[in-house]
Amino acid sequence: GPPPKDLSAITAPVYGFYAGNDARISATVPDTTAAMKAAGKKYDPV
């Protein structure tokens, strides 16, 4: 599933499960990883 626009209010760890042949969604993972890290949030995508 795609990420929300604003990640700042998240308090729970988020675990992502994505498909390699699903660029529409999986292409969002790198930017989401960076944004969650910058916000100090736990994000563990596979």
PDB file of all heavy atoms in Angstrom:
ATOM      1  N   GLY A   1       0.827  -1.199   0.000  1.00  0.00           N
ATOM      2  CA  GLY A   1       0.000   0.000   0.000  1.00  0.00           C
ATOM      3  C   GLY A   1       0.862   1.250   0.000  1.00  0.00           C
ATOM      4  O   GLY A   1       2.005   1.224   0.484  1.00  0.00           O
ATOM      5  N   PRO A   2       0.360   2.370  -0.522  1.00  0.00           N
ATOM      6  CA  PRO A   2       1.139   3.612  -0.589  1.00  0.00           C
ATOM      7  C   PRO A   2       1.217   4.302   0.769  1.00  0.00           C
ATOM      8  O   PRO A   2       0.368   4.088   1.632  1.00  0.00           O
ATOM      9  CB  PRO A   2       0.349   4.459  -1.587  1.00  0.00           C
ATOM     10  CG  PRO A   2      -1.071   4.005  -1.387  1.00  0.00           C
ATOM     11  CD  PRO A   2      -0.972   2.522  -1.130  1.00  0.00           C
ATOM     12  N   PRO A   3       2.218   5.154   0.959  1.00  0.00           N
ATOM     13  CA  PRO A   3       2.352   5.874   2.224  1.00  0.00           C
ATOM     14  C   PRO A   3       1.435   7.090   2.273  1.00  0.00           C
ATOM     15  O   PRO A   3       1.017   7.601   1.222  1.00  0.00           O
ATOM     16  CB  PRO A   3       3.815   6.314   2.203  1.00  0.00           C
ATOM     17  CG  PRO A   3       4.083   6.561   0.746  1.00  0.00           C
ATOM     18  CD  PRO A   3       3.323   5.482   0.022  1.00  0.00           C
ATOM     19  N   PRO A   4       1.114   7.579   3.467  1.00  0.00           N
ATOM     20  CA  PRO A   4       0.367   8.833   3.568  1.00  0.00           C
ATOM     21  C   PRO A   4       1.271  10.013   3.253  1.00  0.00           C
ATOM     22  O   PRO A   4       2.501   9.875   3.226  1.00  0.00           O
ATOM     23  CB  PRO A   4      -0.082   8.846   5.035  1.00  0.00           C
ATOM     24  CG  PRO A   4       0.965   8.055   5.745  1.00  0.00           C
ATOM     25  CD  PRO A   4       1.408   6.988   4.778  1.00  0.00           C
ATOM     26  N   LYS A   5       0.666  11.153   3.019  1.00  0.00           N
ATOM     27  CA  LYS A   5       1.440  12.339   2.667  1.00  0.00           C
ATOM     28  C   LYS A   5       2.271  12.832   3.844  1.00  0.00           C
ATOM     29  O   LYS A   5       3.427  13.238   3.681  1.00  0.00           O
ATOM     30  CB  LYS A   5       0.497  13.440   2.193  1.00  0.00           C
ATOM     31  CG  LYS A   5       1.202  14.673   1.659  1.00  0.00           C
ATOM     32  CD  LYS A   5       0.199  15.656   1.091  1.00  0.00           C
ATOM     33  CE  LYS A   5       0.883  16.877   0.508  1.00  0.00           C
ATOM     34  NZ  LYS A   5      -0.120  17.840  -0.053  1.00  0.00           N
ATOM     35  N   ASP A   6       1.689  12.799   5.041  1.00  0.00           N
ATOM     36  CA  ASP A   6       2.355  13.310   6.241  1.00  0.00           C
ATOM     37  C   ASP A   6       2.634  12.148   7.190  1.00  0.00           C
ATOM     38  O   ASP A   6       1.717  11.458   7.629  1.00  0.00           O
ATOM     39  CB  ASP A   6       1.474  14.356   6.917  1.00  0.00           C
ATOM     40  CG  ASP A   6       2.155  15.036   8.105  1.00  0.00           C
ATOM     41  OD1 ASP A   6       3.319  14.693   8.400  1.00  0.00           O
ATOM     42  OD2 ASP A   6       1.517  15.905   8.731  1.00  0.00           O
ATOM     43  N   LEU A   7       3.902  11.929   7.512  1.00  0.00           N
ATOM     44  CA  LEU A   7       4.302  10.817   8.372  1.00  0.00           C
ATOM     45  C   LEU A   7       4.609  11.251   9.809  1.00  0.00           C
ATOM     46  O   LEU A   7       4.889  10.410  10.657  1.00  0.00           O
ATOM     47  CB  LEU A   7       5.555  10.147   7.791  1.00  0.00           C
ATOM     48  CG  LEU A   7       5.464   9.668   6.345  1.00  0.00           C
ATOM     49  CD1 LEU A   7       6.845   9.276   5.839  1.00  0.00           C
ATOM     50  CD2 LEU A   7       4.501   8.494   6.225  1.00  0.00           C
ATOM     51  N   SER A   8       4.525  12.527  10.071  1.00  0.00           N
ATOM     52  CA  SER A   8       5.039  13.070  11.336  1.00  0.00           C
ATOM     53  C   SER A   8       4.297  12.585  12.570  1.00  0.00           C
ATOM     54  O   SER A   8       4.882  12.517  13.653  1.00  0.00           O
ATOM     55  CB  SER A   8       5.008  14.604  11.295  1.00  0.00           C
ATOM     56  OG  SER A   8       3.678  15.083  11.146  1.00  0.00           O
ATOM     57  N   ALA A   9       3.013  12.226  12.428  1.00  0.00           N
ATOM     58  CA  ALA A   9       2.226  11.857  13.604  1.00  0.00           C
ATOM     59  C   ALA A   9       2.315  10.382  13.963  1.00  0.00           C
ATOM     60  O   ALA A   9       1.750   9.950  14.971  1.00  0.00           O
ATOM     61  CB  ALA A   9       0.762  12.250  13.392  1.00  0.00           C
ATOM     62  N   ILE A  10       3.025   9.604  13.173  1.00  0.00           N
ATOM     63  CA  ILE A  10       3.119   8.166  13.431  1.00  0.00           C
ATOM     64  C   ILE A  10       3.925   7.901  14.696  1.00  0.00           C
ATOM     65  O   ILE A  10       4.985   8.472  14.906  1.00  0.00           O
ATOM     66  CB  ILE A  10       3.772   7.453  12.231  1.00  0.00           C
ATOM     67  CG1 ILE A  10       2.848   7.536  11.010  1.00  0.00           C
ATOM     68  CG2 ILE A  10       4.086   5.990  12.557  1.00  0.00           C
ATOM     69  CD1 ILE A  10       3.443   6.961   9.745  1.00  0.00           C
ATOM     70  N   THR A  11       3.399   7.024  15.547  1.00  0.00           N
ATOM     71  CA  THR A  11       4.113   6.637  16.761  1.00  0.00           C
ATOM     72  C   THR A  11       4.454   5.146  16.781  1.00  0.00           C
ATOM     73  O   THR A  11       5.390   4.741  17.468  1.00  0.00           O
ATOM     74  CB  THR A  11       3.273   6.969  18.013  1.00  0.00           C
ATOM     75  OG1 THR A  11       2.005   6.301  17.927  1.00  0.00           O
ATOM     76  CG2 THR A  11       3.042   8.474  18.120  1.00  0.00           C
ATOM     77  N   ALA A  12       3.715   4.325  16.049  1.00  0.00           N
ATOM     78  CA  ALA A  12       3.944   2.875  16.038  1.00  0.00           C
ATOM     79  C   ALA A  12       4.992   2.504  15.001  1.00  0.00           C
ATOM     80  O   ALA A  12       5.162   3.190  13.997  1.00  0.00           O
ATOM     81  CB  ALA A  12       2.640   2.144  15.720  1.00  0.00           C
ATOM     82  N   PRO A  13       5.703   1.419  15.221  1.00  0.00           N
ATOM     83  CA  PRO A  13       6.591   0.911  14.156  1.00  0.00           C
ATOM     84  C   PRO A  13       5.760   0.457  12.963  1.00  0.00           C
ATOM     85  O   PRO A  13       4.669  -0.105  13.131  1.00  0.00           O
ATOM     86  CB  PRO A  13       7.307  -0.268  14.825  1.00  0.00           C
ATOM     87  CG  PRO A  13       6.421  -0.676  15.952  1.00  0.00           C
ATOM     88  CD  PRO A  13       5.752   0.571  16.424  1.00  0.00           C
ATOM     89  N   VAL A  14       6.274   0.710  11.765  1.00  0.00           N
ATOM     90  CA  VAL A  14       5.573   0.350  10.535  1.00  0.00           C
ATOM     91  C   VAL A  14       6.406  -0.679   9.781  1.00  0.00           C
ATOM     92  O   VAL A  14       7.604  -0.465   9.550  1.00  0.00           O
ATOM     93  CB  VAL A  14       5.325   1.585   9.648  1.00  0.00           C
ATOM     94  CG1 VAL A  14       4.628   1.169   8.350  1.00  0.00           C
ATOM     95  CG2 VAL A  14       4.495   2.627  10.392  1.00  0.00           C
ATOM     96  N   TYR A  15       5.766  -1.773   9.405  1.00  0.00           N
ATOM     97  CA  TYR A  15       6.443  -2.840   8.671  1.00  0.00           C
ATOM     98  C   TYR A  15       5.783  -2.974   7.298  1.00  0.00           C
ATOM     99  O   TYR A  15       4.565  -3.122   7.195  1.00  0.00           O
ATOM    100  CB  TYR A  15       6.346  -4.159   9.428  1.00  0.00           C
ATOM    101  CG  TYR A  15       6.943  -4.087  10.813  1.00  0.00           C
ATOM    102  CD1 TYR A  15       6.144  -3.774  11.919  1.00  0.00           C
ATOM    103  CD2 TYR A  15       8.301  -4.302  11.021  1.00  0.00           C
ATOM    104  CE1 TYR A  15       6.696  -3.689  13.197  1.00  0.00           C
ATOM    105  CE2 TYR A  15       8.861  -4.220  12.291  1.00  0.00           C
ATOM    106  CZ  TYR A  15       8.054  -3.909  13.375  1.00  0.00           C
ATOM    107  OH  TYR A  15       8.589  -3.815  14.639  1.00  0.00           O
ATOM    108  N   GLY A  16       6.598  -2.892   6.248  1.00  0.00           N
ATOM    109  CA  GLY A  16       6.062  -2.925   4.903  1.00  0.00           C
ATOM    110  C   GLY A  16       6.410  -4.196   4.156  1.00  0.00           C
ATOM    111  O   GLY A  16       7.528  -4.714   4.278  1.00  0.00           O
ATOM    112  N   PHE A  17       5.479  -4.689   3.384  1.00  0.00           N
ATOM    113  CA  PHE A  17       5.646  -5.897   2.579  1.00  0.00           C
ATOM    114  C   PHE A  17       5.266  -5.532   1.143  1.00  0.00           C
ATOM    115  O   PHE A  17       4.099  -5.242   0.861  1.00  0.00           O
ATOM    116  CB  PHE A  17       4.748  -7.013   3.102  1.00  0.00           C
ATOM    117  CG  PHE A  17       4.963  -7.349   4.560  1.00  0.00           C
ATOM    118  CD1 PHE A  17       4.380  -6.569   5.557  1.00  0.00           C
ATOM    119  CD2 PHE A  17       5.730  -8.438   4.935  1.00  0.00           C
ATOM    120  CE1 PHE A  17       4.568  -6.874   6.902  1.00  0.00           C
ATOM    121  CE2 PHE A  17       5.927  -8.753   6.273  1.00  0.00           C
ATOM    122  CZ  PHE A  17       5.344  -7.967   7.257  1.00  0.00           C
ATOM    123  N   TYR A  18       6.236  -5.588   0.241  1.00  0.00           N
ATOM    124  CA  TYR A  18       6.028  -5.077  -1.107  1.00  0.00           C
ATOM    125  C   TYR A  18       6.446  -6.097  -2.164  1.00  0.00           C
ATOM    126  O   TYR A  18       7.230  -7.009  -1.895  1.00  0.00           O
ATOM    127  CB  TYR A  18       6.819  -3.781  -1.294  1.00  0.00           C
ATOM    128  CG  TYR A  18       6.475  -2.713  -0.286  1.00  0.00           C
ATOM    129  CD1 TYR A  18       7.241  -2.565   0.877  1.00  0.00           C
ATOM    130  CD2 TYR A  18       5.381  -1.873  -0.472  1.00  0.00           C
ATOM    131  CE1 TYR A  18       6.930  -1.594   1.821  1.00  0.00           C
ATOM    132  CE2 TYR A  18       5.066  -0.892   0.468  1.00  0.00           C
ATOM    133  CZ  TYR A  18       5.839  -0.754   1.611  1.00  0.00           C
ATOM    134  OH  TYR A  18       5.522   0.209   2.543  1.00  0.00           O
ATOM    135  N   ALA A  19       5.929  -5.889  -3.377  1.00  0.00           N
ATOM    136  CA  ALA A  19       6.206  -6.792  -4.489  1.00  0.00           C
ATOM    137  C   ALA A  19       7.237  -6.185  -5.426  1.00  0.00           C
ATOM    138  O   ALA A  19       7.173  -4.997  -5.747  1.00  0.00           O
ATOM    139  CB  ALA A  19       4.919  -7.085  -5.256  1.00  0.00           C
ATOM    140  N   GLY A  20       8.167  -7.013  -5.893  1.00  0.00           N
ATOM    141  CA  GLY A  20       9.191  -6.534  -6.801  1.00  0.00           C
ATOM    142  C   GLY A  20       8.643  -6.091  -8.145  1.00  0.00           C
ATOM    143  O   GLY A  20       9.155  -5.149  -8.758  1.00  0.00           O
ATOM    144  N   ASN A  21       7.579  -6.739  -8.614  1.00  0.00           N
ATOM    145  CA  ASN A  21       6.969  -6.393  -9.901  1.00  0.00           C
ATOM    146  C   ASN A  21       5.732  -5.527  -9.684  1.00  0.00           C
ATOM    147  O   ASN A  21       4.635  -5.816 -10.179  1.00  0.00           O
ATOM    148  CB  ASN A  21       6.591  -7.663 -10.673  1.00  0.00           C
ATOM    149  CG  ASN A  21       7.809  -8.448 -11.112  1.00  0.00           C
ATOM    150  OD1 ASN A  21       8.937  -7.971 -11.020  1.00  0.00           O
ATOM    151  ND2 ASN A  21       7.602  -9.659 -11.589  1.00  0.00           N
ATOM    152  N   ASP A  22       5.922  -4.472  -8.921  1.00  0.00           N
ATOM    153  CA  ASP A  22       4.816  -3.574  -8.575  1.00  0.00           C
ATOM    154  C   ASP A  22       5.380  -2.173  -8.361  1.00  0.00           C
ATOM    155  O   ASP A  22       5.261  -1.582  -7.283  1.00  0.00           O
ATOM    156  CB  ASP A  22       4.122  -4.077  -7.295  1.00  0.00           C
ATOM    157  CG  ASP A  22       2.889  -3.270  -6.925  1.00  0.00           C
ATOM    158  OD1 ASP A  22       2.317  -2.605  -7.804  1.00  0.00           O
ATOM    159  OD2 ASP A  22       2.501  -3.317  -5.736  1.00  0.00           O
ATOM    160  N   ALA A  23       6.001  -1.647  -9.426  1.00  0.00           N
ATOM    161  CA  ALA A  23       6.716  -0.373  -9.301  1.00  0.00           C
ATOM    162  C   ALA A  23       5.810   0.771  -8.872  1.00  0.00           C
ATOM    163  O   ALA A  23       6.264   1.720  -8.205  1.00  0.00           O
ATOM    164  CB  ALA A  23       7.392  -0.014 -10.621  1.00  0.00           C
ATOM    165  N   ARG A  24       4.533   0.723  -9.215  1.00  0.00           N
ATOM    166  CA  ARG A  24       3.601   1.767  -8.815  1.00  0.00           C
ATOM    167  C   ARG A  24       3.637   2.007  -7.306  1.00  0.00           C
ATOM    168  O   ARG A  24       3.564   3.145  -6.833  1.00  0.00           O
ATOM    169  CB  ARG A  24       2.179   1.380  -9.252  1.00  0.00           C
ATOM    170  CG  ARG A  24       1.092   2.356  -8.838  1.00  0.00           C
ATOM    171  CD  ARG A  24      -0.260   1.857  -9.329  1.00  0.00           C
ATOM    172  NE  ARG A  24      -0.604   0.571  -8.749  1.00  0.00           N
ATOM    173  CZ  ARG A  24      -1.277   0.426  -7.606  1.00  0.00           C
ATOM    174  NH1 ARG A  24      -1.654   1.477  -6.926  1.00  0.00           N
ATOM    175  NH2 ARG A  24      -1.555  -0.781  -7.142  1.00  0.00           N
ATOM    176  N   ILE A  25       3.765   0.913  -6.551  1.00  0.00           N
ATOM    177  CA  ILE A  25       3.801   1.023  -5.091  1.00  0.00           C
ATOM    178  C   ILE A  25       5.230   0.936  -4.564  1.00  0.00           C
ATOM    179  O   ILE A  25       5.663   1.745  -3.738  1.00  0.00           O
ATOM    180  CB  ILE A  25       2.948  -0.083  -4.443  1.00  0.00           C
ATOM    181  CG1 ILE A  25       1.472   0.082  -4.842  1.00  0.00           C
ATOM    182  CG2 ILE A  25       3.098  -0.055  -2.929  1.00  0.00           C
ATOM    183  CD1 ILE A  25       0.831   1.370  -4.383  1.00  0.00           C
ATOM    184  N   SER A  26       5.988  -0.041  -5.048  1.00  0.00           N
ATOM    185  CA  SER A  26       7.326  -0.276  -4.495  1.00  0.00           C
ATOM    186  C   SER A  26       8.287   0.871  -4.762  1.00  0.00           C
ATOM    187  O   SER A  26       9.265   1.062  -4.028  1.00  0.00           O
ATOM    188  CB  SER A  26       7.898  -1.589  -5.048  1.00  0.00           C
ATOM    189  OG  SER A  26       7.082  -2.679  -4.660  1.00  0.00           O
ATOM    190  N   ALA A  27       8.020   1.664  -5.791  1.00  0.00           N
ATOM    191  CA  ALA A  27       8.868   2.818  -6.078  1.00  0.00           C
ATOM    192  C   ALA A  27       8.775   3.886  -4.988  1.00  0.00           C
ATOM    193  O   ALA A  27       9.637   4.768  -4.905  1.00  0.00           O
ATOM    194  CB  ALA A  27       8.498   3.420  -7.427  1.00  0.00           C
ATOM    195  N   THR A  28       7.741   3.783  -4.151  1.00  0.00           N
ATOM    196  CA  THR A  28       7.603   4.756  -3.061  1.00  0.00           C
ATOM    197  C   THR A  28       8.482   4.415  -1.861  1.00  0.00           C
ATOM    198  O   THR A  28       8.673   5.251  -0.974  1.00  0.00           O
ATOM    199  CB  THR A  28       6.138   4.837  -2.573  1.00  0.00           C
ATOM    200  OG1 THR A  28       5.770   3.585  -1.936  1.00  0.00           O
ATOM    201  CG2 THR A  28       5.184   5.111  -3.720  1.00  0.00           C
ATOM    202  N   VAL A  29       9.015   3.199  -1.833  1.00  0.00           N
ATOM    203  CA  VAL A  29       9.728   2.733  -0.642  1.00  0.00           C
ATOM    204  C   VAL A  29      10.993   3.538  -0.330  1.00  0.00           C
ATOM    205  O   VAL A  29      11.209   3.914   0.828  1.00  0.00           O
ATOM    206  CB  VAL A  29      10.040   1.221  -0.760  1.00  0.00           C
ATOM    207  CG1 VAL A  29      10.956   0.761   0.378  1.00  0.00           C
ATOM    208  CG2 VAL A  29       8.737   0.422  -0.737  1.00  0.00           C
ATOM    209  N   PRO A  30      11.867   3.832  -1.292  1.00  0.00           N
ATOM    210  CA  PRO A  30      13.078   4.586  -0.951  1.00  0.00           C
ATOM    211  C   PRO A  30      12.792   5.948  -0.321  1.00  0.00           C
ATOM    212  O   PRO A  30      13.403   6.314   0.704  1.00  0.00           O
ATOM    213  CB  PRO A  30      13.791   4.733  -2.302  1.00  0.00           C
ATOM    214  CG  PRO A  30      13.347   3.549  -3.083  1.00  0.00           C
ATOM    215  CD  PRO A  30      11.910   3.376  -2.708  1.00  0.00           C
ATOM    216  N   ASP A  31      11.872   6.710  -0.906  1.00  0.00           N
ATOM    217  CA  ASP A  31      11.549   8.019  -0.349  1.00  0.00           C
ATOM    218  C   ASP A  31      10.872   7.893   1.011  1.00  0.00           C
ATOM    219  O   ASP A  31      11.117   8.701   1.921  1.00  0.00           O
ATOM    220  CB  ASP A  31      10.632   8.801  -1.299  1.00  0.00           C
ATOM    221  CG  ASP A  31      11.374   9.330  -2.521  1.00  0.00           C
ATOM    222  OD1 ASP A  31      12.628   9.310  -2.517  1.00  0.00           O
ATOM    223  OD2 ASP A  31      10.699   9.746  -3.483  1.00  0.00           O
ATOM    224  N   THR A  32      10.025   6.878   1.160  1.00  0.00           N
ATOM    225  CA  THR A  32       9.365   6.659   2.455  1.00  0.00           C
ATOM    226  C   THR A  32      10.385   6.279   3.518  1.00  0.00           C
ATOM    227  O   THR A  32      10.313   6.738   4.660  1.00  0.00           O
ATOM    228  CB  THR A  32       8.297   5.562   2.331  1.00  0.00           C
ATOM    229  OG1 THR A  32       7.356   5.923   1.323  1.00  0.00           O
ATOM    230  CG2 THR A  32       7.564   5.377   3.652  1.00  0.00           C
ATOM    231  N   THR A  33      11.339   5.450   3.133  1.00  0.00           N
ATOM    232  CA  THR A  33      12.406   5.061   4.065  1.00  0.00           C
ATOM    233  C   THR A  33      13.167   6.285   4.550  1.00  0.00           C
ATOM    234  O   THR A  33      13.415   6.453   5.758  1.00  0.00           O
ATOM    235  CB  THR A  33      13.372   4.072   3.391  1.00  0.00           C
ATOM    236  OG1 THR A  33      12.657   2.900   2.988  1.00  0.00           O
ATOM    237  CG2 THR A  33      14.487   3.672   4.335  1.00  0.00           C
ATOM    238  N   ALA A  34      13.519   7.152   3.620  1.00  0.00           N
ATOM    239  CA  ALA A  34      14.260   8.361   3.976  1.00  0.00           C
ATOM    240  C   ALA A  34      13.432   9.291   4.845  1.00  0.00           C
ATOM    241  O   ALA A  34      13.930   9.857   5.832  1.00  0.00           O
ATOM    242  CB  ALA A  34      14.701   9.082   2.701  1.00  0.00           C
ATOM    243  N   ALA A  35      12.153   9.444   4.488  1.00  0.00           N
ATOM    244  CA  ALA A  35      11.287  10.349   5.246  1.00  0.00           C
ATOM    245  C   ALA A  35      11.032   9.825   6.657  1.00  0.00           C
ATOM    246  O   ALA A  35      11.026  10.598   7.625  1.00  0.00           O
ATOM    247  CB  ALA A  35       9.969  10.534   4.506  1.00  0.00           C
ATOM    248  N   MET A  36      10.817   8.531   6.790  1.00  0.00           N
ATOM    249  CA  MET A  36      10.588   7.951   8.119  1.00  0.00           C
ATOM    250  C   MET A  36      11.849   8.060   8.971  1.00  0.00           C
ATOM    251  O   MET A  36      11.779   8.352  10.176  1.00  0.00           O
ATOM    252  CB  MET A  36      10.144   6.498   7.981  1.00  0.00           C
ATOM    253  CG  MET A  36       8.736   6.320   7.443  1.00  0.00           C
ATOM    254  SD  MET A  36       7.437   6.726   8.630  1.00  0.00           S
ATOM    255  CE  MET A  36       7.387   5.189   9.598  1.00  0.00           C
ATOM    256  N   LYS A  37      13.000   7.842   8.366  1.00  0.00           N
ATOM    257  CA  LYS A  37      14.260   7.959   9.097  1.00  0.00           C
ATOM    258  C   LYS A  37      14.475   9.394   9.563  1.00  0.00           C
ATOM    259  O   LYS A  37      14.855   9.646  10.717  1.00  0.00           O
ATOM    260  CB  LYS A  37      15.425   7.508   8.230  1.00  0.00           C
ATOM    261  CG  LYS A  37      16.775   7.534   8.941  1.00  0.00           C
ATOM    262  CD  LYS A  37      17.886   7.011   8.036  1.00  0.00           C
ATOM    263  CE  LYS A  37      19.224   7.021   8.757  1.00  0.00           C
ATOM    264  NZ  LYS A  37      20.323   6.494   7.884  1.00  0.00           N
ATOM    265  N   ALA A  38      14.196  10.350   8.685  1.00  0.00           N
ATOM    266  CA  ALA A  38      14.367  11.758   9.036  1.00  0.00           C
ATOM    267  C   ALA A  38      13.430  12.176  10.161  1.00  0.00           C
ATOM    268  O   ALA A  38      13.768  13.044  10.978  1.00  0.00           O
ATOM    269  CB  ALA A  38      14.134  12.631   7.809  1.00  0.00           C
ATOM    270  N   ALA A  39      12.257  11.542  10.200  1.00  0.00           N
ATOM    271  CA  ALA A  39      11.277  11.867  11.229  1.00  0.00           C
ATOM    272  C   ALA A  39      11.492  11.077  12.513  1.00  0.00           C
ATOM    273  O   ALA A  39      10.760  11.266  13.488  1.00  0.00           O
ATOM    274  CB  ALA A  39       9.864  11.599  10.695  1.00  0.00           C
ATOM    275  N   GLY A  40      12.487  10.194  12.504  1.00  0.00           N
ATOM    276  CA  GLY A  40      12.763   9.390  13.692  1.00  0.00           C
ATOM    277  C   GLY A  40      11.763   8.278  13.929  1.00  0.00           C
ATOM    278  O   GLY A  40      11.541   7.862  15.069  1.00  0.00           O
ATOM    279  N   LYS A  41      11.154   7.775  12.845  1.00  0.00           N
ATOM    280  CA  LYS A  41      10.148   6.719  12.954  1.00  0.00           C
ATOM    281  C   LYS A  41      10.738   5.382  12.503  1.00  0.00           C
ATOM    282  O   LYS A  41      11.613   5.338  11.653  1.00  0.00           O
ATOM    283  CB  LYS A  41       8.930   7.044  12.076  1.00  0.00           C
ATOM    284  CG  LYS A  41       8.432   8.472  12.164  1.00  0.00           C
ATOM    285  CD  LYS A  41       7.891   8.813  13.538  1.00  0.00           C
ATOM    286  CE  LYS A  41       7.329  10.240  13.555  1.00  0.00           C
ATOM    287  NZ  LYS A  41       6.810  10.609  14.893  1.00  0.00           N
ATOM    288  N   LYS A  42      10.221   4.295  13.079  1.00  0.00           N
ATOM    289  CA  LYS A  42      10.675   2.962  12.677  1.00  0.00           C
ATOM    290  C   LYS A  42       9.892   2.501  11.459  1.00  0.00           C
ATOM    291  O   LYS A  42       8.659   2.468  11.476  1.00  0.00           O
ATOM    292  CB  LYS A  42      10.494   1.954  13.808  1.00  0.00           C
ATOM    293  CG  LYS A  42      10.959   0.536  13.420  1.00  0.00           C
ATOM    294  CD  LYS A  42      10.869  -0.426  14.582  1.00  0.00           C
ATOM    295  CE  LYS A  42      11.259  -1.848  14.178  1.00  0.00           C
ATOM    296  NZ  LYS A  42      12.617  -1.951  13.637  1.00  0.00           N
ATOM    297  N   TYR A  43      10.618   2.149  10.413  1.00  0.00           N
ATOM    298  CA  TYR A  43      10.018   1.665   9.174  1.00  0.00           C
ATOM    299  C   TYR A  43      10.888   0.546   8.636  1.00  0.00           C
ATOM    300  O   TYR A  43      12.076   0.731   8.383  1.00  0.00           O
ATOM    301  CB  TYR A  43       9.931   2.810   8.164  1.00  0.00           C
ATOM    302  CG  TYR A  43       9.370   2.433   6.818  1.00  0.00           C
ATOM    303  CD1 TYR A  43       8.117   1.853   6.680  1.00  0.00           C
ATOM    304  CD2 TYR A  43      10.102   2.705   5.648  1.00  0.00           C
ATOM    305  CE1 TYR A  43       7.596   1.539   5.429  1.00  0.00           C
ATOM    306  CE2 TYR A  43       9.584   2.399   4.389  1.00  0.00           C
ATOM    307  CZ  TYR A  43       8.334   1.818   4.293  1.00  0.00           C
ATOM    308  OH  TYR A  43       7.822   1.514   3.047  1.00  0.00           O
ATOM    309  N   ASP A  44      10.304  -0.636   8.509  1.00  0.00           N
ATOM    310  CA  ASP A  44      11.047  -1.822   8.091  1.00  0.00           C
ATOM    311  C   ASP A  44      10.377  -2.423   6.858  1.00  0.00           C
ATOM    312  O   ASP A  44       9.465  -3.238   6.973  1.00  0.00           O
ATOM    313  CB  ASP A  44      11.081  -2.831   9.240  1.00  0.00           C
ATOM    314  CG  ASP A  44      11.818  -4.110   8.873  1.00  0.00           C
ATOM    315  OD1 ASP A  44      12.552  -4.112   7.860  1.00  0.00           O
ATOM    316  OD2 ASP A  44      11.651  -5.116   9.599  1.00  0.00           O
ATOM    317  N   PRO A  45      10.801  -2.023   5.645  1.00  0.00           N
ATOM    318  CA  PRO A  45      10.190  -2.548   4.434  1.00  0.00           C
ATOM    319  C   PRO A  45      10.956  -3.740   3.853  1.00  0.00           C
ATOM    320  O   PRO A  45      12.177  -3.823   3.972  1.00  0.00           O
ATOM    321  CB  PRO A  45      10.258  -1.360   3.479  1.00  0.00           C
ATOM    322  CG  PRO A  45      11.533  -0.666   3.869  1.00  0.00           C
ATOM    323  CD  PRO A  45      11.715  -0.896   5.364  1.00  0.00           C
ATOM    324  N   VAL A  46      10.227  -4.640   3.233  1.00  0.00           N
ATOM    325  CA  VAL A  46      10.816  -5.764   2.512  1.00  0.00           C
ATOM    326  C   VAL A  46      10.160  -5.819   1.136  1.00  0.00           C
ATOM    327  O   VAL A  46       8.937  -5.705   1.019  1.00  0.00           O
ATOM    328  CB  VAL A  46      10.594  -7.107   3.239  1.00  0.00           C
ATOM    329  CG1 VAL A  46      11.165  -8.252   2.422  1.00  0.00           C
ATOM    330  CG2 VAL A  46      11.211  -7.080   4.623  1.00  0.00           C
TER     331      VAL A  46
END
